[in-house]
Amino acid sequence: MSLSAPDPRCPWLIVAALALVGGLVWTGLHTGDRGTWLMEVFPVLIVLPLLAATQRRYPLTTLLYVLIFWHAVVLMVGGQYTYARVPAGFWVEGWLGLHRNPYDKLGHFMQGFVPALAAREILRRGAHVRGPKMLAFLALCVVMTISATYELIEWAAAVLLGQGADEFLGTQGDVWDTQSDMAFAGLGAIVALALLSRVQNRQIRGLRERGLI
């Protein structure tokens, strides 16, 4: 990757990274269950240093950076309260007349929405796939693989931790929770690919024109 052109977005990316670090500290200090918090925010602890380490040699589109930021916020809020107890979820539950806190479905929707565009960007920039339909299909496959893997991790946590895994799983008595989680991830991927693929294409071209990739 070319490093000849400095990235004018660096100051904003640094501010965003510091905001996420601050969010991690705040939610970690104000959670009722530190173990559950750690499991929920673990993706943020992995992705944030990875993005920092690769920003110069593999800068992402602004669209993807923004979406990753908000996905991290969703994860941290879920970790602080546990997904079944997020206050905003209770508001939606009452507003829509639901029988459970739906915040975890937002989390799984984002689990599809953001990784779909991340996979698509990597596949497109590397010219690994020809054709927009196959590109979208493989991005969706990546999302469903991630979702299935996450559900297997939840199953392993339930087996290993027993009762202590209840807050992490957040099933709220729904016997179809695993299936609906994967469905929301798939829905998030489809919505993202349908609405934002062209925006992402333009931003990738912009990065090339500015000599950032």
Protein backbone atom coordinates (compact mmCIF):
# COMPACT_ATOMS: atom_id res chain seq x y z
CA MET A 1 0.00 0.00 0.00
CA SER A 2 1.19 3.46 -0.82
CA LEU A 3 2.07 5.70 2.10
CA SER A 4 2.88 8.77 -0.02
CA ALA A 5 -0.27 10.68 0.79
CA PRO A 6 -1.07 11.57 4.41
CA ASP A 7 -4.59 10.77 5.51
CA PRO A 8 -6.43 14.03 6.34
CA ARG A 9 -8.86 12.04 8.49
CA CYS A 10 -6.22 11.14 11.08
CA PRO A 11 -7.18 13.81 13.66
CA TRP A 12 -10.81 12.69 13.58
CA LEU A 13 -9.85 9.05 13.78
CA ILE A 14 -7.72 9.76 16.83
CA VAL A 15 -10.62 11.60 18.49
CA ALA A 16 -12.94 8.69 17.72
CA ALA A 17 -10.44 6.17 19.09
CA LEU A 18 -10.01 8.17 22.30
CA ALA A 19 -13.80 8.40 22.65
CA LEU A 20 -14.07 4.62 22.38
CA VAL A 21 -11.30 4.11 24.93
CA GLY A 22 -13.12 6.49 27.24
CA GLY A 23 -16.33 4.54 26.64
CA LEU A 24 -14.60 1.30 27.52
CA VAL A 25 -13.29 2.78 30.77
CA TRP A 26 -16.66 4.31 31.69
CA THR A 27 -18.76 1.24 30.96
CA GLY A 28 -16.21 -1.03 32.60
CA LEU A 29 -16.29 1.01 35.80
CA HIS A 30 -20.08 1.34 35.86
CA THR A 31 -21.17 -2.17 35.05
CA GLY A 32 -22.81 -4.51 37.50
CA ASP A 33 -21.12 -7.60 36.08
CA ARG A 34 -17.50 -7.16 35.04
CA GLY A 35 -17.25 -10.66 33.56
CA THR A 36 -20.26 -10.19 31.30
CA TRP A 37 -19.00 -6.74 30.31
CA LEU A 38 -15.66 -8.20 29.28
CA MET A 39 -17.26 -10.87 27.13
CA GLU A 40 -19.56 -8.36 25.44
CA VAL A 41 -16.90 -5.74 24.66
CA PHE A 42 -14.20 -8.25 23.72
CA PRO A 43 -14.66 -7.54 19.96
CA VAL A 44 -13.94 -3.86 20.64
CA LEU A 45 -10.78 -4.76 22.54
CA ILE A 46 -9.61 -6.73 19.50
CA VAL A 47 -10.72 -4.46 16.65
CA LEU A 48 -9.65 -1.09 18.07
CA PRO A 49 -5.92 -1.93 18.36
CA LEU A 50 -6.08 -3.72 15.01
CA LEU A 51 -7.49 -0.65 13.27
CA ALA A 52 -4.89 1.57 14.93
CA ALA A 53 -2.08 -0.72 13.81
CA THR A 54 -3.25 -0.94 10.19
CA GLN A 55 -4.63 2.56 9.61
CA ARG A 56 -1.62 3.80 7.62
CA ARG A 57 -1.06 0.77 5.40
CA TYR A 58 -4.71 -0.25 5.04
CA PRO A 59 -6.99 2.75 5.64
CA LEU A 60 -10.70 2.01 5.45
CA THR A 61 -13.47 4.13 3.98
CA THR A 62 -14.93 6.82 6.19
CA LEU A 63 -18.27 5.01 5.96
CA LEU A 64 -16.77 1.88 7.49
CA TYR A 65 -14.92 3.77 10.23
CA VAL A 66 -18.15 5.53 11.25
CA LEU A 67 -20.13 2.29 11.31
CA ILE A 68 -17.46 0.49 13.32
CA PHE A 69 -17.55 3.33 15.85
CA TRP A 70 -21.31 3.02 16.37
CA HIS A 71 -21.16 -0.76 16.47
CA ALA A 72 -18.60 -0.45 19.27
CA VAL A 73 -20.95 1.91 21.13
CA VAL A 74 -23.78 -0.63 20.85
CA LEU A 75 -21.50 -3.35 22.23
CA MET A 76 -20.28 -1.23 25.13
CA VAL A 77 -23.78 -0.19 26.18
CA GLY A 78 -24.87 -3.82 26.00
CA GLY A 79 -21.87 -4.80 28.09
CA GLN A 80 -22.52 -2.17 30.73
CA TYR A 81 -26.16 -3.05 31.40
CA THR A 82 -26.29 -6.55 29.83
CA TYR A 83 -28.45 -6.66 26.72
CA ALA A 84 -31.63 -7.68 28.55
CA ARG A 85 -31.46 -4.61 30.82
CA VAL A 86 -30.47 -1.71 28.57
CA PRO A 87 -32.82 1.20 29.44
CA ALA A 88 -33.36 2.21 25.81
CA GLY A 89 -34.50 -1.33 25.10
CA PHE A 90 -37.17 -1.07 27.80
CA TRP A 91 -38.43 2.15 26.20
CA VAL A 92 -38.79 0.38 22.84
CA GLU A 93 -40.36 -2.62 24.55
CA GLY A 94 -43.07 -0.44 26.08
CA TRP A 95 -43.53 1.68 22.95
CA LEU A 96 -44.06 -1.33 20.68
CA GLY A 97 -45.84 -3.50 23.25
CA LEU A 98 -43.21 -6.23 23.14
CA HIS A 99 -42.72 -8.99 25.69
CA ARG A 100 -38.94 -8.65 25.99
CA ASN A 101 -36.16 -6.08 25.81
CA PRO A 102 -35.20 -5.95 22.09
CA TYR A 103 -31.79 -4.31 22.50
CA ASP A 104 -29.96 -7.59 21.83
CA LYS A 105 -31.66 -7.73 18.42
CA LEU A 106 -30.15 -4.34 17.63
CA GLY A 107 -26.79 -5.80 18.58
CA HIS A 108 -27.24 -8.73 16.22
CA PHE A 109 -28.54 -6.46 13.46
CA MET A 110 -25.32 -4.47 13.78
CA GLN A 111 -23.39 -7.74 13.85
CA GLY A 112 -24.59 -8.21 10.28
CA PHE A 113 -24.75 -4.59 9.12
CA VAL A 114 -21.15 -3.62 9.81
CA PRO A 115 -19.23 -6.86 9.07
CA ALA A 116 -21.06 -7.16 5.72
CA LEU A 117 -19.57 -3.87 4.56
CA ALA A 118 -16.19 -4.71 6.08
CA ALA A 119 -16.09 -8.01 4.18
CA ARG A 120 -17.31 -6.34 1.01
CA GLU A 121 -14.64 -3.64 1.21
CA ILE A 122 -11.82 -6.12 1.71
CA LEU A 123 -13.05 -8.38 -1.10
CA ARG A 124 -13.55 -5.50 -3.52
CA ARG A 125 -10.29 -3.71 -2.82
CA GLY A 126 -8.31 -6.91 -3.16
CA ALA A 127 -10.09 -7.78 -6.41
CA HIS A 128 -10.81 -11.20 -4.94
CA VAL A 129 -14.29 -11.34 -6.47
CA ARG A 130 -15.67 -10.31 -9.86
CA GLY A 131 -19.24 -9.13 -10.16
CA PRO A 132 -21.41 -7.18 -7.69
CA LYS A 133 -23.85 -10.05 -7.11
CA MET A 134 -21.15 -12.53 -6.13
CA LEU A 135 -19.51 -9.83 -4.00
CA ALA A 136 -22.75 -9.28 -2.09
CA PHE A 137 -23.37 -13.01 -1.77
CA LEU A 138 -19.93 -13.70 -0.30
CA ALA A 139 -20.21 -10.73 2.07
CA LEU A 140 -23.50 -12.19 3.31
CA CYS A 141 -21.84 -15.60 3.70
CA VAL A 142 -19.11 -14.03 5.84
CA VAL A 143 -21.73 -12.42 8.06
CA MET A 144 -23.67 -15.63 8.56
CA THR A 145 -20.43 -17.47 9.37
CA ILE A 146 -19.56 -14.85 11.98
CA SER A 147 -23.08 -15.03 13.42
CA ALA A 148 -23.04 -18.83 13.62
CA THR A 149 -19.59 -18.76 15.23
CA TYR A 150 -20.80 -16.24 17.81
CA GLU A 151 -23.77 -18.45 18.67
CA LEU A 152 -21.42 -21.39 19.13
CA ILE A 153 -19.33 -19.25 21.48
CA GLU A 154 -22.48 -18.43 23.44
CA TRP A 155 -23.32 -22.13 23.61
CA ALA A 156 -19.81 -22.90 24.88
CA ALA A 157 -20.15 -20.14 27.49
CA ALA A 158 -23.43 -21.64 28.68
CA VAL A 159 -21.82 -25.07 29.02
CA LEU A 160 -18.69 -23.82 30.78
CA LEU A 161 -20.21 -21.11 32.98
CA GLY A 162 -23.61 -22.64 33.75
CA GLN A 163 -25.87 -20.18 35.52
CA GLY A 164 -23.23 -17.46 35.22
CA ALA A 165 -23.79 -17.35 31.48
CA ASP A 166 -27.42 -16.20 31.71
CA GLU A 167 -26.61 -12.50 31.51
CA PHE A 168 -24.21 -13.06 28.61
CA LEU A 169 -26.73 -15.10 26.62
CA GLY A 170 -29.65 -12.75 27.25
CA THR A 171 -32.22 -15.17 25.84
CA GLN A 172 -34.96 -13.80 28.14
CA GLY A 173 -36.77 -17.12 27.97
CA ASP A 174 -36.97 -17.20 24.16
CA VAL A 175 -36.38 -20.76 22.93
CA TRP A 176 -35.81 -19.42 19.40
CA ASP A 177 -33.31 -16.76 20.47
CA THR A 178 -30.38 -18.31 18.58
CA GLN A 179 -32.31 -18.52 15.34
CA SER A 180 -33.71 -14.99 15.61
CA ASP A 181 -30.23 -13.64 16.44
CA MET A 182 -28.88 -15.10 13.21
CA ALA A 183 -31.91 -13.86 11.28
CA PHE A 184 -31.32 -10.30 12.51
CA ALA A 185 -27.64 -10.53 11.56
CA GLY A 186 -28.62 -11.67 8.08
CA LEU A 187 -31.20 -8.89 7.84
CA GLY A 188 -28.60 -6.32 8.89
CA ALA A 189 -26.23 -7.55 6.19
CA ILE A 190 -28.89 -7.42 3.48
CA VAL A 191 -29.97 -3.90 4.46
CA ALA A 192 -26.37 -2.65 4.54
CA LEU A 193 -25.51 -4.16 1.17
CA ALA A 194 -28.70 -2.85 -0.43
CA LEU A 195 -28.41 0.70 0.89
CA LEU A 196 -24.70 1.44 1.15
CA SER A 197 -22.82 -0.52 -1.52
CA ARG A 198 -22.77 2.40 -3.96
CA VAL A 199 -21.69 4.82 -1.25
CA GLN A 200 -18.88 2.45 -0.33
CA ASN A 201 -17.81 2.14 -3.98
CA ARG A 202 -17.56 5.92 -4.30
CA GLN A 203 -15.51 6.20 -1.13
CA ILE A 204 -13.14 3.44 -2.25
CA ARG A 205 -12.61 5.33 -5.52
CA GLY A 206 -12.01 8.49 -3.51
CA LEU A 207 -9.31 6.79 -1.43
CA ARG A 208 -7.58 5.66 -4.63
CA GLU A 209 -7.80 9.10 -6.23
CA ARG A 210 -6.19 10.67 -3.15
CA GLY A 211 -3.41 8.09 -3.18
CA LEU A 212 -4.35 6.65 0.20
CA ILE A 213 -4.66 3.08 -1.11
